[in-house]
N, C-alpha and C. Protein backbone atom coordinates (compact mmCIF):
# COMPACT_ATOMS: atom_id res chain seq x y z
N UNK A 1 -1.19 -44.98 80.68
CA UNK A 1 -0.90 -43.59 80.91
C UNK A 1 0.31 -43.14 80.09
N UNK A 2 1.34 -43.98 80.04
CA UNK A 2 2.53 -43.63 79.26
C UNK A 2 2.16 -43.43 77.79
N UNK A 3 1.40 -44.38 77.25
CA UNK A 3 1.01 -44.29 75.84
C UNK A 3 0.28 -42.98 75.57
N UNK A 4 -0.71 -42.65 76.39
CA UNK A 4 -1.50 -41.44 76.17
C UNK A 4 -0.65 -40.19 76.35
N UNK A 5 0.14 -40.15 77.40
CA UNK A 5 0.94 -38.95 77.67
C UNK A 5 2.04 -38.71 76.66
N UNK A 6 2.84 -39.74 76.42
CA UNK A 6 4.07 -39.55 75.65
C UNK A 6 3.96 -39.90 74.17
N UNK A 7 3.00 -40.75 73.82
CA UNK A 7 2.89 -41.16 72.44
C UNK A 7 1.67 -40.56 71.73
N UNK A 8 0.78 -39.98 72.51
CA UNK A 8 -0.39 -39.34 71.90
C UNK A 8 -0.37 -37.84 72.17
N UNK A 9 -0.52 -37.45 73.43
CA UNK A 9 -0.68 -36.02 73.74
C UNK A 9 0.54 -35.18 73.39
N UNK A 10 1.71 -35.62 73.80
CA UNK A 10 2.90 -34.79 73.58
C UNK A 10 3.15 -34.50 72.09
N UNK A 11 3.24 -35.51 71.23
CA UNK A 11 3.50 -35.19 69.81
C UNK A 11 2.33 -34.50 69.13
N UNK A 12 1.12 -34.85 69.51
CA UNK A 12 -0.06 -34.23 68.90
C UNK A 12 -0.17 -32.77 69.31
N UNK A 13 0.19 -32.48 70.56
CA UNK A 13 0.20 -31.10 71.04
C UNK A 13 1.22 -30.28 70.26
N UNK A 14 2.40 -30.85 70.05
CA UNK A 14 3.45 -30.15 69.29
C UNK A 14 2.98 -29.87 67.87
N UNK A 15 2.30 -30.83 67.25
CA UNK A 15 1.75 -30.62 65.90
C UNK A 15 0.73 -29.48 65.92
N UNK A 16 -0.12 -29.46 66.96
CA UNK A 16 -1.13 -28.40 67.04
C UNK A 16 -0.46 -27.04 67.22
N UNK A 17 0.57 -26.97 68.04
CA UNK A 17 1.28 -25.69 68.23
C UNK A 17 1.84 -25.19 66.90
N UNK A 18 2.42 -26.10 66.12
CA UNK A 18 2.95 -25.71 64.81
C UNK A 18 1.83 -25.23 63.88
N UNK A 19 0.70 -25.93 63.92
CA UNK A 19 -0.44 -25.53 63.09
C UNK A 19 -1.00 -24.18 63.53
N UNK A 20 -1.04 -23.96 64.84
CA UNK A 20 -1.53 -22.68 65.35
C UNK A 20 -0.61 -21.54 64.93
N UNK A 21 0.69 -21.78 64.98
CA UNK A 21 1.65 -20.75 64.59
C UNK A 21 1.52 -20.40 63.11
N UNK A 22 1.13 -21.39 62.31
CA UNK A 22 0.99 -21.16 60.87
C UNK A 22 -0.41 -20.72 60.47
N UNK A 23 -1.34 -20.72 61.42
CA UNK A 23 -2.73 -20.36 61.11
C UNK A 23 -2.82 -18.88 60.74
N UNK A 24 -3.46 -18.60 59.61
CA UNK A 24 -3.53 -17.20 59.18
C UNK A 24 -4.58 -16.38 59.93
N UNK A 25 -5.56 -17.08 60.54
CA UNK A 25 -6.64 -16.36 61.21
C UNK A 25 -7.29 -17.26 62.26
N UNK A 26 -8.34 -16.76 62.88
CA UNK A 26 -9.05 -17.50 63.93
C UNK A 26 -9.64 -18.79 63.38
N UNK A 27 -10.16 -18.76 62.18
CA UNK A 27 -10.71 -19.98 61.58
C UNK A 27 -9.62 -21.05 61.43
N UNK A 28 -8.44 -20.65 61.05
CA UNK A 28 -7.32 -21.58 60.94
C UNK A 28 -6.94 -22.17 62.29
N UNK A 29 -6.98 -21.31 63.32
CA UNK A 29 -6.67 -21.78 64.67
C UNK A 29 -7.73 -22.77 65.15
N UNK A 30 -9.00 -22.49 64.85
CA UNK A 30 -10.08 -23.40 65.25
C UNK A 30 -9.95 -24.74 64.51
N UNK A 31 -9.56 -24.67 63.25
CA UNK A 31 -9.36 -25.89 62.46
C UNK A 31 -8.22 -26.71 63.06
N UNK A 32 -7.12 -26.06 63.44
CA UNK A 32 -5.98 -26.75 64.05
C UNK A 32 -6.39 -27.41 65.36
N UNK A 33 -7.17 -26.71 66.16
CA UNK A 33 -7.64 -27.27 67.43
C UNK A 33 -8.57 -28.46 67.20
N UNK A 34 -9.46 -28.34 66.24
CA UNK A 34 -10.36 -29.44 65.91
C UNK A 34 -9.59 -30.67 65.44
N UNK A 35 -8.57 -30.45 64.62
CA UNK A 35 -7.74 -31.56 64.15
C UNK A 35 -7.02 -32.22 65.32
N UNK A 36 -6.54 -31.40 66.26
CA UNK A 36 -5.89 -31.93 67.47
C UNK A 36 -6.85 -32.83 68.24
N UNK A 37 -8.07 -32.34 68.49
CA UNK A 37 -9.05 -33.12 69.25
C UNK A 37 -9.40 -34.42 68.53
N UNK A 38 -9.60 -34.34 67.23
CA UNK A 38 -9.93 -35.55 66.46
C UNK A 38 -8.80 -36.58 66.54
N UNK A 39 -7.58 -36.11 66.40
CA UNK A 39 -6.42 -37.02 66.44
C UNK A 39 -6.27 -37.65 67.81
N UNK A 40 -6.43 -36.86 68.86
CA UNK A 40 -6.32 -37.41 70.22
C UNK A 40 -7.43 -38.44 70.47
N UNK A 41 -8.63 -38.13 70.04
CA UNK A 41 -9.73 -39.09 70.22
C UNK A 41 -9.43 -40.40 69.49
N UNK A 42 -8.91 -40.31 68.29
CA UNK A 42 -8.61 -41.52 67.52
C UNK A 42 -7.46 -42.30 68.14
N UNK A 43 -6.39 -41.61 68.51
CA UNK A 43 -5.22 -42.29 69.05
C UNK A 43 -5.45 -42.87 70.44
N UNK A 44 -6.33 -42.26 71.21
CA UNK A 44 -6.62 -42.79 72.55
C UNK A 44 -7.75 -43.81 72.52
N UNK A 45 -8.22 -44.12 71.33
CA UNK A 45 -9.23 -45.16 71.12
C UNK A 45 -10.61 -44.80 71.66
N UNK A 46 -10.84 -43.52 71.91
CA UNK A 46 -12.12 -43.11 72.47
C UNK A 46 -13.26 -43.18 71.47
N UNK A 47 -12.95 -43.36 70.19
CA UNK A 47 -13.98 -43.56 69.17
C UNK A 47 -14.41 -45.02 69.10
N UNK A 48 -13.78 -45.87 69.87
CA UNK A 48 -14.04 -47.31 69.84
C UNK A 48 -14.57 -47.77 71.20
N UNK A 49 -15.90 -47.78 71.40
CA UNK A 49 -16.46 -48.14 72.71
C UNK A 49 -16.03 -49.52 73.20
N UNK A 50 -15.86 -50.49 72.30
CA UNK A 50 -15.43 -51.82 72.75
C UNK A 50 -14.03 -51.77 73.37
N UNK A 51 -13.15 -50.97 72.77
CA UNK A 51 -11.81 -50.83 73.33
C UNK A 51 -11.86 -50.12 74.68
N UNK A 52 -12.68 -49.09 74.77
CA UNK A 52 -12.80 -48.36 76.03
C UNK A 52 -13.34 -49.29 77.12
N UNK A 53 -14.32 -50.12 76.79
CA UNK A 53 -14.86 -51.08 77.76
C UNK A 53 -13.78 -52.08 78.20
N UNK A 54 -13.02 -52.58 77.25
CA UNK A 54 -11.95 -53.52 77.58
C UNK A 54 -10.91 -52.85 78.47
N UNK A 55 -10.53 -51.63 78.12
CA UNK A 55 -9.56 -50.90 78.94
C UNK A 55 -10.09 -50.66 80.36
N UNK A 56 -11.39 -50.39 80.48
CA UNK A 56 -11.99 -50.19 81.80
C UNK A 56 -11.93 -51.47 82.62
N UNK A 57 -12.16 -52.63 81.98
CA UNK A 57 -12.07 -53.90 82.70
C UNK A 57 -10.63 -54.19 83.12
N UNK A 58 -9.67 -53.88 82.27
CA UNK A 58 -8.26 -54.06 82.61
C UNK A 58 -7.90 -53.19 83.80
N UNK A 59 -8.33 -51.95 83.76
CA UNK A 59 -8.06 -51.02 84.86
C UNK A 59 -8.69 -51.52 86.15
N UNK A 60 -9.94 -51.97 86.07
CA UNK A 60 -10.63 -52.48 87.26
C UNK A 60 -9.92 -53.68 87.87
N UNK A 61 -9.50 -54.61 87.03
CA UNK A 61 -8.77 -55.78 87.53
C UNK A 61 -7.45 -55.36 88.15
N UNK A 62 -6.77 -54.40 87.54
CA UNK A 62 -5.48 -53.93 88.06
C UNK A 62 -5.65 -53.26 89.42
N UNK A 63 -6.65 -52.40 89.55
CA UNK A 63 -6.88 -51.72 90.82
C UNK A 63 -7.27 -52.68 91.92
N UNK A 64 -8.14 -53.65 91.60
CA UNK A 64 -8.54 -54.64 92.59
C UNK A 64 -7.34 -55.49 93.01
N UNK A 65 -6.51 -55.88 92.04
CA UNK A 65 -5.31 -56.66 92.33
C UNK A 65 -4.40 -55.88 93.29
N UNK A 66 -4.19 -54.59 92.97
CA UNK A 66 -3.32 -53.76 93.81
C UNK A 66 -3.86 -53.63 95.23
N UNK A 67 -5.16 -53.48 95.36
CA UNK A 67 -5.76 -53.33 96.70
C UNK A 67 -5.59 -54.61 97.52
N UNK A 68 -5.84 -55.75 96.90
CA UNK A 68 -5.69 -57.03 97.62
C UNK A 68 -4.22 -57.30 97.92
N UNK A 69 -3.34 -57.00 96.97
CA UNK A 69 -1.91 -57.19 97.20
C UNK A 69 -1.42 -56.31 98.35
N UNK A 70 -1.90 -55.08 98.43
CA UNK A 70 -1.50 -54.18 99.51
C UNK A 70 -1.99 -54.71 100.85
N UNK A 71 -3.23 -55.20 100.89
CA UNK A 71 -3.76 -55.75 102.13
C UNK A 71 -2.97 -56.99 102.55
N UNK A 72 -2.59 -57.80 101.58
CA UNK A 72 -1.80 -59.01 101.86
C UNK A 72 -0.42 -58.62 102.38
N UNK A 73 0.16 -57.58 101.83
CA UNK A 73 1.48 -57.12 102.27
C UNK A 73 1.44 -56.60 103.70
N UNK A 74 0.27 -56.14 104.12
CA UNK A 74 0.13 -55.61 105.49
C UNK A 74 -0.16 -56.71 106.49
N UNK A 75 -0.11 -57.95 106.06
CA UNK A 75 -0.26 -59.04 107.01
C UNK A 75 -1.46 -59.93 106.79
N UNK A 76 -2.33 -59.58 105.87
CA UNK A 76 -3.48 -60.43 105.57
C UNK A 76 -3.02 -61.48 104.57
N UNK A 77 -2.54 -62.59 105.07
CA UNK A 77 -2.00 -63.63 104.20
C UNK A 77 -2.86 -64.87 104.33
N UNK A 78 -3.96 -64.88 103.60
CA UNK A 78 -4.82 -66.05 103.69
C UNK A 78 -5.11 -66.62 102.31
N UNK A 79 -5.66 -67.79 102.30
CA UNK A 79 -5.93 -68.49 101.04
C UNK A 79 -6.95 -67.75 100.19
N UNK A 80 -7.89 -67.06 100.82
CA UNK A 80 -8.90 -66.33 100.08
C UNK A 80 -8.26 -65.21 99.26
N UNK A 81 -7.36 -64.46 99.89
CA UNK A 81 -6.68 -63.36 99.19
C UNK A 81 -5.87 -63.90 98.02
N UNK A 82 -5.19 -64.99 98.23
CA UNK A 82 -4.38 -65.57 97.15
C UNK A 82 -5.27 -66.05 96.00
N UNK A 83 -6.40 -66.64 96.32
CA UNK A 83 -7.34 -67.09 95.28
C UNK A 83 -7.87 -65.88 94.50
N UNK A 84 -8.16 -64.79 95.22
CA UNK A 84 -8.64 -63.58 94.55
C UNK A 84 -7.57 -63.01 93.62
N UNK A 85 -6.33 -63.02 94.09
CA UNK A 85 -5.23 -62.51 93.26
C UNK A 85 -5.06 -63.36 92.00
N UNK A 86 -5.15 -64.67 92.14
CA UNK A 86 -5.03 -65.53 90.95
C UNK A 86 -6.18 -65.28 89.98
N UNK A 87 -7.40 -65.10 90.51
CA UNK A 87 -8.56 -64.84 89.65
C UNK A 87 -8.41 -63.50 88.93
N UNK A 88 -7.93 -62.50 89.63
CA UNK A 88 -7.73 -61.18 89.02
C UNK A 88 -6.61 -61.22 87.99
N UNK A 89 -5.56 -61.97 88.26
CA UNK A 89 -4.48 -62.12 87.29
C UNK A 89 -5.01 -62.78 86.02
N UNK A 90 -5.84 -63.80 86.18
CA UNK A 90 -6.42 -64.47 85.02
C UNK A 90 -7.33 -63.52 84.25
N UNK A 91 -8.12 -62.72 84.96
CA UNK A 91 -9.01 -61.75 84.31
C UNK A 91 -8.19 -60.72 83.54
N UNK A 92 -7.11 -60.25 84.15
CA UNK A 92 -6.23 -59.28 83.49
C UNK A 92 -5.67 -59.87 82.21
N UNK A 93 -5.13 -61.07 82.27
CA UNK A 93 -4.55 -61.72 81.09
C UNK A 93 -5.60 -61.93 80.01
N UNK A 94 -6.79 -62.33 80.39
CA UNK A 94 -7.88 -62.54 79.43
C UNK A 94 -8.23 -61.24 78.73
N UNK A 95 -8.37 -60.16 79.48
CA UNK A 95 -8.72 -58.86 78.91
C UNK A 95 -7.59 -58.29 78.07
N UNK A 96 -6.34 -58.52 78.48
CA UNK A 96 -5.22 -58.06 77.66
C UNK A 96 -5.21 -58.80 76.33
N UNK A 97 -5.51 -60.08 76.35
CA UNK A 97 -5.61 -60.85 75.11
C UNK A 97 -6.71 -60.30 74.22
N UNK A 98 -7.85 -59.98 74.83
CA UNK A 98 -8.97 -59.41 74.06
C UNK A 98 -8.59 -58.05 73.47
N UNK A 99 -7.87 -57.24 74.25
CA UNK A 99 -7.44 -55.93 73.76
C UNK A 99 -6.49 -56.09 72.58
N UNK A 100 -5.50 -56.98 72.71
CA UNK A 100 -4.57 -57.21 71.60
C UNK A 100 -5.30 -57.66 70.35
N UNK A 101 -6.25 -58.56 70.49
CA UNK A 101 -7.01 -59.05 69.33
C UNK A 101 -7.84 -57.93 68.70
N UNK A 102 -8.49 -57.12 69.52
CA UNK A 102 -9.29 -56.01 68.98
C UNK A 102 -8.40 -55.01 68.27
N UNK A 103 -7.25 -54.72 68.84
CA UNK A 103 -6.33 -53.79 68.19
C UNK A 103 -5.85 -54.34 66.85
N UNK A 104 -5.50 -55.62 66.84
CA UNK A 104 -5.04 -56.23 65.57
C UNK A 104 -6.16 -56.22 64.54
N UNK A 105 -7.40 -56.44 64.98
CA UNK A 105 -8.51 -56.52 64.02
C UNK A 105 -8.83 -55.17 63.38
N UNK A 106 -8.51 -54.08 64.06
CA UNK A 106 -8.80 -52.77 63.48
C UNK A 106 -7.54 -52.06 62.98
N UNK A 107 -6.40 -52.74 63.04
CA UNK A 107 -5.14 -52.12 62.63
C UNK A 107 -5.13 -51.73 61.15
N UNK A 108 -5.89 -52.44 60.32
CA UNK A 108 -5.94 -52.07 58.90
C UNK A 108 -6.66 -50.74 58.72
N UNK A 109 -7.65 -50.50 59.55
CA UNK A 109 -8.43 -49.26 59.47
C UNK A 109 -7.68 -48.11 60.14
N UNK A 110 -7.06 -48.40 61.28
CA UNK A 110 -6.34 -47.40 62.04
C UNK A 110 -4.91 -47.89 62.27
N UNK A 111 -4.01 -47.64 61.33
CA UNK A 111 -2.65 -48.20 61.39
C UNK A 111 -1.87 -47.83 62.65
N UNK A 112 -2.16 -46.69 63.25
CA UNK A 112 -1.43 -46.30 64.46
C UNK A 112 -1.65 -47.31 65.59
N UNK A 113 -2.77 -48.04 65.55
CA UNK A 113 -3.05 -49.02 66.59
C UNK A 113 -2.27 -50.32 66.36
N UNK A 114 -1.77 -50.54 65.15
CA UNK A 114 -0.97 -51.74 64.88
C UNK A 114 0.30 -51.71 65.71
N UNK A 115 0.92 -50.55 65.82
CA UNK A 115 2.14 -50.41 66.62
C UNK A 115 1.85 -50.72 68.08
N UNK A 116 0.76 -50.20 68.60
CA UNK A 116 0.39 -50.46 70.00
C UNK A 116 0.12 -51.94 70.21
N UNK A 117 -0.60 -52.57 69.29
CA UNK A 117 -0.89 -54.00 69.40
C UNK A 117 0.40 -54.81 69.42
N UNK A 118 1.36 -54.43 68.58
CA UNK A 118 2.65 -55.12 68.54
C UNK A 118 3.40 -54.95 69.85
N UNK A 119 3.40 -53.75 70.38
CA UNK A 119 4.08 -53.50 71.67
C UNK A 119 3.44 -54.29 72.79
N UNK A 120 2.12 -54.38 72.80
CA UNK A 120 1.44 -55.16 73.84
C UNK A 120 1.72 -56.64 73.67
N UNK A 121 1.84 -57.08 72.43
CA UNK A 121 2.09 -58.50 72.16
C UNK A 121 3.51 -58.90 72.57
N UNK A 122 4.48 -58.04 72.28
CA UNK A 122 5.87 -58.37 72.59
C UNK A 122 6.24 -58.04 74.01
N UNK A 123 5.38 -57.28 74.70
CA UNK A 123 5.67 -56.92 76.08
C UNK A 123 6.58 -55.72 76.20
N UNK A 124 6.80 -54.99 75.10
CA UNK A 124 7.67 -53.80 75.12
C UNK A 124 7.01 -52.72 75.97
N UNK A 125 7.44 -52.60 77.19
CA UNK A 125 6.90 -51.57 78.08
C UNK A 125 5.66 -52.01 78.83
N UNK A 126 5.12 -53.19 78.53
CA UNK A 126 3.92 -53.65 79.22
C UNK A 126 4.11 -55.12 79.57
N UNK A 127 3.97 -55.44 80.83
CA UNK A 127 4.07 -56.85 81.25
C UNK A 127 2.67 -57.40 81.26
N UNK A 128 2.46 -58.47 80.54
CA UNK A 128 1.16 -59.13 80.58
C UNK A 128 1.36 -60.62 80.58
């Protein structure tokens, strides 16, 4: 969410506002809006179905982990819950590794993803 909000939408929106202000006519404004949408789609990886699938699996593992952890915090402290948490942690780590590898593999084509791959690898802002 941080990446999309602060590193994609916010600066891309500001660029679009500048382009809109400089647009001489409606066609120019439509072109600026189209460029904004294309850039957001590229930066959020929505043009890459494999990345979207990997992100969905990471999200699913994270939500399941949070639900089991919350139930455990409320007093459900059994071996089954702990085994599920370990399995979800392993799934999360596996998918994060897959995401980093996919990002690195396409970084030559889409250089903006190289920075994200590096941040995920070093743990800058993301614990994995």
